[in-house]
Amino acid sequence: MSNSNPIQPATELIIEDFGLNWKATDFETEAFLLEELSNAIAWMMEHRLEFLFNTLYRMDVDETKMTAALSPKNPEPANITLAKIVIERQKLRLKTKQEYQQEKPEDWEDF
């Protein structure tokens, strides 16, 4: 994972989780990722809703946030809100991974 583009690690997770045929290096900004992911989620909502919900569940997306995104009272289109939630979830996942990353013991090869 590259450190030169701060959104790339989250993009890589999203590509993997949704099985998208994208290259993480094509996404230079979070705004572009949001636009493309929103479009992909809109397509999934029309054609692969069960897959979308299963993927969101596996990603451990907060059910309350998901329900709010799908609510008719949500002023923003559901696909955009869901894309924002997914990006935020993956960024949090990466942050947590970094905070709890354990160093490899020096004598690990001795086992």
N, C-alpha and C. Protein backbone atom coordinates (compact mmCIF):
# COMPACT_ATOMS: atom_id res chain seq x y z
N MET A 1 0.84 -1.19 0.00
CA MET A 1 0.00 0.00 0.00
C MET A 1 0.87 1.24 0.00
N SER A 2 0.49 2.17 -0.82
CA SER A 2 1.31 3.37 -1.00
C SER A 2 0.95 4.44 0.01
N ASN A 3 1.98 5.15 0.49
CA ASN A 3 1.75 6.25 1.41
C ASN A 3 1.62 7.58 0.68
N SER A 4 1.97 7.61 -0.63
CA SER A 4 1.93 8.86 -1.38
C SER A 4 0.51 9.35 -1.60
N ASN A 5 -0.44 8.46 -1.65
CA ASN A 5 -1.84 8.82 -1.85
C ASN A 5 -2.63 8.34 -0.63
N PRO A 6 -3.09 9.26 0.22
CA PRO A 6 -3.71 8.85 1.48
C PRO A 6 -5.03 8.07 1.31
N ILE A 7 -5.70 8.20 0.18
CA ILE A 7 -6.97 7.49 0.00
C ILE A 7 -6.75 6.09 -0.61
N GLN A 8 -5.56 5.84 -1.13
CA GLN A 8 -5.31 4.57 -1.81
C GLN A 8 -5.51 3.33 -0.93
N PRO A 9 -5.02 3.29 0.30
CA PRO A 9 -5.26 2.08 1.12
C PRO A 9 -6.75 1.79 1.33
N ALA A 10 -7.55 2.82 1.58
CA ALA A 10 -9.00 2.62 1.75
C ALA A 10 -9.61 2.16 0.44
N THR A 11 -9.13 2.72 -0.67
CA THR A 11 -9.63 2.33 -1.99
C THR A 11 -9.34 0.86 -2.25
N GLU A 12 -8.16 0.41 -1.88
CA GLU A 12 -7.80 -1.00 -2.06
C GLU A 12 -8.74 -1.92 -1.29
N LEU A 13 -9.08 -1.54 -0.06
CA LEU A 13 -10.02 -2.34 0.73
C LEU A 13 -11.40 -2.37 0.09
N ILE A 14 -11.85 -1.23 -0.40
CA ILE A 14 -13.17 -1.14 -1.03
C ILE A 14 -13.21 -1.99 -2.29
N ILE A 15 -12.17 -1.92 -3.10
CA ILE A 15 -12.09 -2.73 -4.32
C ILE A 15 -12.17 -4.21 -3.97
N GLU A 16 -11.43 -4.60 -2.96
CA GLU A 16 -11.42 -6.00 -2.53
C GLU A 16 -12.79 -6.43 -2.00
N ASP A 17 -13.36 -5.63 -1.11
CA ASP A 17 -14.64 -6.01 -0.49
C ASP A 17 -15.78 -6.12 -1.49
N PHE A 18 -15.82 -5.21 -2.46
CA PHE A 18 -16.91 -5.22 -3.44
C PHE A 18 -16.57 -6.00 -4.71
N GLY A 19 -15.33 -6.47 -4.82
CA GLY A 19 -14.93 -7.22 -6.01
C GLY A 19 -14.99 -6.36 -7.27
N LEU A 20 -14.60 -5.10 -7.13
CA LEU A 20 -14.66 -4.17 -8.26
C LEU A 20 -13.45 -4.33 -9.17
N ASN A 21 -13.64 -4.10 -10.43
CA ASN A 21 -12.57 -4.20 -11.42
C ASN A 21 -11.94 -2.82 -11.61
N TRP A 22 -11.38 -2.28 -10.54
CA TRP A 22 -10.76 -0.97 -10.53
C TRP A 22 -9.31 -1.11 -10.14
N LYS A 23 -8.55 -0.04 -10.40
CA LYS A 23 -7.17 0.05 -9.91
C LYS A 23 -7.12 1.17 -8.88
N ALA A 24 -6.63 0.87 -7.71
CA ALA A 24 -6.59 1.86 -6.63
C ALA A 24 -5.79 3.10 -7.03
N THR A 25 -4.80 2.91 -7.88
CA THR A 25 -3.96 4.04 -8.28
C THR A 25 -4.70 5.04 -9.16
N ASP A 26 -5.86 4.66 -9.69
CA ASP A 26 -6.66 5.58 -10.52
C ASP A 26 -7.40 6.62 -9.68
N PHE A 27 -7.43 6.43 -8.38
CA PHE A 27 -8.19 7.31 -7.50
C PHE A 27 -7.25 8.22 -6.73
N GLU A 28 -7.13 9.44 -7.20
CA GLU A 28 -6.20 10.39 -6.58
C GLU A 28 -6.84 11.20 -5.47
N THR A 29 -8.17 11.29 -5.46
CA THR A 29 -8.84 12.08 -4.43
C THR A 29 -10.01 11.30 -3.85
N GLU A 30 -10.35 11.66 -2.65
CA GLU A 30 -11.51 11.04 -2.01
C GLU A 30 -12.80 11.42 -2.74
N ALA A 31 -12.84 12.63 -3.29
CA ALA A 31 -14.04 13.07 -4.02
C ALA A 31 -14.29 12.20 -5.25
N PHE A 32 -13.21 11.84 -5.95
CA PHE A 32 -13.36 10.98 -7.12
C PHE A 32 -13.79 9.58 -6.70
N LEU A 33 -13.20 9.06 -5.63
CA LEU A 33 -13.60 7.76 -5.10
C LEU A 33 -15.07 7.79 -4.71
N LEU A 34 -15.50 8.85 -4.04
CA LEU A 34 -16.89 8.97 -3.63
C LEU A 34 -17.82 8.95 -4.84
N GLU A 35 -17.46 9.68 -5.88
CA GLU A 35 -18.29 9.72 -7.08
C GLU A 35 -18.42 8.34 -7.72
N GLU A 36 -17.29 7.67 -7.90
CA GLU A 36 -17.30 6.36 -8.55
C GLU A 36 -17.98 5.29 -7.67
N LEU A 37 -17.71 5.33 -6.38
CA LEU A 37 -18.34 4.36 -5.47
C LEU A 37 -19.84 4.60 -5.39
N SER A 38 -20.25 5.85 -5.39
CA SER A 38 -21.69 6.18 -5.40
C SER A 38 -22.37 5.59 -6.63
N ASN A 39 -21.71 5.71 -7.78
CA ASN A 39 -22.27 5.14 -9.01
C ASN A 39 -22.34 3.62 -8.93
N ALA A 40 -21.30 3.00 -8.39
CA ALA A 40 -21.28 1.54 -8.26
C ALA A 40 -22.37 1.07 -7.30
N ILE A 41 -22.55 1.79 -6.20
CA ILE A 41 -23.58 1.42 -5.23
C ILE A 41 -24.97 1.61 -5.83
N ALA A 42 -25.17 2.68 -6.61
CA ALA A 42 -26.46 2.90 -7.28
C ALA A 42 -26.78 1.71 -8.19
N TRP A 43 -25.76 1.24 -8.92
CA TRP A 43 -25.96 0.09 -9.80
C TRP A 43 -26.31 -1.15 -8.98
N MET A 44 -25.60 -1.35 -7.88
CA MET A 44 -25.86 -2.51 -7.02
C MET A 44 -27.27 -2.45 -6.41
N MET A 45 -27.70 -1.24 -6.07
CA MET A 45 -29.05 -1.10 -5.50
C MET A 45 -30.11 -1.51 -6.53
N GLU A 46 -29.84 -1.29 -7.80
CA GLU A 46 -30.77 -1.64 -8.87
C GLU A 46 -30.68 -3.11 -9.26
N HIS A 47 -29.46 -3.67 -9.25
CA HIS A 47 -29.24 -4.99 -9.85
C HIS A 47 -28.76 -6.07 -8.90
N ARG A 48 -28.11 -5.68 -7.79
CA ARG A 48 -27.52 -6.68 -6.89
C ARG A 48 -27.70 -6.25 -5.43
N LEU A 49 -28.92 -6.00 -5.05
CA LEU A 49 -29.19 -5.47 -3.71
C LEU A 49 -28.74 -6.42 -2.60
N GLU A 50 -29.01 -7.70 -2.76
CA GLU A 50 -28.62 -8.66 -1.73
C GLU A 50 -27.09 -8.69 -1.57
N PHE A 51 -26.37 -8.66 -2.68
CA PHE A 51 -24.91 -8.61 -2.63
C PHE A 51 -24.44 -7.36 -1.90
N LEU A 52 -25.06 -6.22 -2.20
CA LEU A 52 -24.70 -4.96 -1.54
C LEU A 52 -24.88 -5.08 -0.04
N PHE A 53 -26.05 -5.54 0.39
CA PHE A 53 -26.31 -5.66 1.82
C PHE A 53 -25.37 -6.66 2.49
N ASN A 54 -25.09 -7.77 1.83
CA ASN A 54 -24.16 -8.76 2.39
C ASN A 54 -22.77 -8.17 2.55
N THR A 55 -22.34 -7.39 1.55
CA THR A 55 -21.02 -6.78 1.61
C THR A 55 -20.95 -5.75 2.73
N LEU A 56 -21.98 -4.93 2.86
CA LEU A 56 -22.01 -3.94 3.94
C LEU A 56 -21.99 -4.63 5.30
N TYR A 57 -22.70 -5.74 5.42
CA TYR A 57 -22.71 -6.51 6.67
C TYR A 57 -21.31 -7.05 6.98
N ARG A 58 -20.65 -7.63 5.96
CA ARG A 58 -19.30 -8.18 6.16
C ARG A 58 -18.30 -7.08 6.51
N MET A 59 -18.52 -5.89 6.01
CA MET A 59 -17.64 -4.76 6.31
C MET A 59 -17.92 -4.19 7.69
N ASP A 60 -18.95 -4.69 8.34
CA ASP A 60 -19.36 -4.25 9.66
C ASP A 60 -19.80 -2.78 9.66
N VAL A 61 -20.54 -2.41 8.62
CA VAL A 61 -21.11 -1.06 8.54
C VAL A 61 -22.20 -0.95 9.58
N ASP A 62 -22.21 0.15 10.30
CA ASP A 62 -23.20 0.39 11.36
C ASP A 62 -24.61 0.32 10.77
N GLU A 63 -25.42 -0.58 11.31
CA GLU A 63 -26.79 -0.79 10.81
C GLU A 63 -27.65 0.45 10.96
N THR A 64 -27.45 1.20 12.02
CA THR A 64 -28.21 2.44 12.23
C THR A 64 -27.91 3.46 11.13
N LYS A 65 -26.64 3.59 10.78
CA LYS A 65 -26.25 4.50 9.71
C LYS A 65 -26.82 4.04 8.37
N MET A 66 -26.79 2.74 8.14
CA MET A 66 -27.32 2.19 6.90
C MET A 66 -28.82 2.44 6.79
N THR A 67 -29.54 2.24 7.88
CA THR A 67 -30.98 2.48 7.89
C THR A 67 -31.28 3.95 7.63
N ALA A 68 -30.52 4.83 8.25
CA ALA A 68 -30.70 6.26 8.04
C ALA A 68 -30.42 6.64 6.58
N ALA A 69 -29.42 6.02 5.99
CA ALA A 69 -29.08 6.31 4.59
C ALA A 69 -30.21 5.91 3.65
N LEU A 70 -30.89 4.83 3.99
CA LEU A 70 -31.96 4.32 3.13
C LEU A 70 -33.32 4.93 3.44
N SER A 71 -33.39 5.75 4.47
CA SER A 71 -34.65 6.36 4.87
C SER A 71 -35.12 7.39 3.84
N PRO A 72 -36.43 7.44 3.60
CA PRO A 72 -36.97 8.47 2.70
C PRO A 72 -36.74 9.89 3.25
N LYS A 73 -36.49 9.99 4.54
CA LYS A 73 -36.25 11.30 5.17
C LYS A 73 -34.82 11.79 4.95
N ASN A 74 -33.96 10.93 4.45
CA ASN A 74 -32.57 11.32 4.17
C ASN A 74 -32.57 12.31 3.00
N PRO A 75 -32.05 13.52 3.21
CA PRO A 75 -32.08 14.53 2.14
C PRO A 75 -31.12 14.22 0.98
N GLU A 76 -30.19 13.32 1.21
CA GLU A 76 -29.19 12.98 0.20
C GLU A 76 -29.56 11.64 -0.43
N PRO A 77 -29.27 11.43 -1.70
CA PRO A 77 -29.53 10.11 -2.30
C PRO A 77 -28.84 8.99 -1.52
N ALA A 78 -29.52 7.87 -1.39
CA ALA A 78 -29.01 6.75 -0.57
C ALA A 78 -27.65 6.26 -1.05
N ASN A 79 -27.44 6.20 -2.35
CA ASN A 79 -26.16 5.68 -2.85
C ASN A 79 -24.98 6.55 -2.44
N ILE A 80 -25.20 7.86 -2.39
CA ILE A 80 -24.13 8.77 -1.98
C ILE A 80 -23.85 8.63 -0.49
N THR A 81 -24.91 8.57 0.30
CA THR A 81 -24.74 8.41 1.75
C THR A 81 -24.05 7.08 2.06
N LEU A 82 -24.47 6.01 1.39
CA LEU A 82 -23.84 4.70 1.63
C LEU A 82 -22.37 4.72 1.22
N ALA A 83 -22.05 5.37 0.13
CA ALA A 83 -20.66 5.47 -0.30
C ALA A 83 -19.82 6.20 0.75
N LYS A 84 -20.36 7.29 1.29
CA LYS A 84 -19.65 8.03 2.35
C LYS A 84 -19.43 7.14 3.57
N ILE A 85 -20.44 6.38 3.93
CA ILE A 85 -20.34 5.48 5.09
C ILE A 85 -19.27 4.42 4.84
N VAL A 86 -19.24 3.85 3.65
CA VAL A 86 -18.26 2.82 3.31
C VAL A 86 -16.84 3.38 3.37
N ILE A 87 -16.63 4.54 2.78
CA ILE A 87 -15.29 5.15 2.79
C ILE A 87 -14.85 5.44 4.22
N GLU A 88 -15.75 6.01 5.01
CA GLU A 88 -15.42 6.31 6.40
C GLU A 88 -15.11 5.04 7.19
N ARG A 89 -15.88 3.98 6.95
CA ARG A 89 -15.67 2.71 7.64
C ARG A 89 -14.29 2.13 7.30
N GLN A 90 -13.92 2.19 6.03
CA GLN A 90 -12.64 1.62 5.64
C GLN A 90 -11.47 2.46 6.17
N LYS A 91 -11.63 3.76 6.21
CA LYS A 91 -10.59 4.61 6.80
C LYS A 91 -10.43 4.31 8.28
N LEU A 92 -11.54 4.10 8.99
CA LEU A 92 -11.49 3.74 10.41
C LEU A 92 -10.85 2.37 10.59
N ARG A 93 -11.17 1.44 9.72
CA ARG A 93 -10.60 0.10 9.78
C ARG A 93 -9.07 0.17 9.65
N LEU A 94 -8.60 0.98 8.71
CA LEU A 94 -7.15 1.13 8.52
C LEU A 94 -6.49 1.79 9.73
N LYS A 95 -7.15 2.80 10.28
CA LYS A 95 -6.61 3.50 11.45
C LYS A 95 -6.50 2.53 12.63
N THR A 96 -7.53 1.74 12.84
CA THR A 96 -7.52 0.76 13.94
C THR A 96 -6.42 -0.27 13.73
N LYS A 97 -6.26 -0.71 12.50
CA LYS A 97 -5.22 -1.68 12.18
C LYS A 97 -3.83 -1.13 12.51
N GLN A 98 -3.62 0.14 12.18
CA GLN A 98 -2.33 0.78 12.47
C GLN A 98 -2.09 0.93 13.97
N GLU A 99 -3.14 1.29 14.70
CA GLU A 99 -3.00 1.51 16.14
C GLU A 99 -2.69 0.22 16.89
N TYR A 100 -3.21 -0.90 16.40
CA TYR A 100 -3.03 -2.16 17.10
C TYR A 100 -2.08 -3.11 16.40
N GLN A 101 -1.32 -2.58 15.44
CA GLN A 101 -0.36 -3.40 14.73
C GLN A 101 0.76 -3.83 15.66
N GLN A 102 1.01 -5.13 15.68
CA GLN A 102 2.07 -5.65 16.53
C GLN A 102 3.35 -5.79 15.72
N GLU A 103 4.44 -5.49 16.38
CA GLU A 103 5.72 -5.65 15.72
C GLU A 103 6.07 -7.13 15.67
N LYS A 104 6.69 -7.52 14.58
CA LYS A 104 7.13 -8.90 14.42
C LYS A 104 8.34 -9.13 15.32
N PRO A 105 8.30 -10.15 16.17
CA PRO A 105 9.45 -10.43 17.04
C PRO A 105 10.71 -10.69 16.21
N GLU A 106 11.84 -10.21 16.71
CA GLU A 106 13.10 -10.37 15.98
C GLU A 106 13.49 -11.84 15.82
N ASP A 107 13.15 -12.66 16.80
CA ASP A 107 13.54 -14.05 16.76
C ASP A 107 12.43 -14.94 16.17
N TRP A 108 11.53 -14.35 15.40
CA TRP A 108 10.39 -15.08 14.85
C TRP A 108 10.86 -16.23 13.93
N GLU A 109 11.92 -16.02 13.18
CA GLU A 109 12.39 -17.04 12.26
C GLU A 109 12.92 -18.27 13.00
N ASP A 110 13.21 -18.15 14.30
CA ASP A 110 13.75 -19.27 15.05
C ASP A 110 12.71 -20.35 15.32
N PHE A 111 11.45 -20.06 15.08
CA PHE A 111 10.41 -21.05 15.38
C PHE A 111 10.27 -22.06 14.31
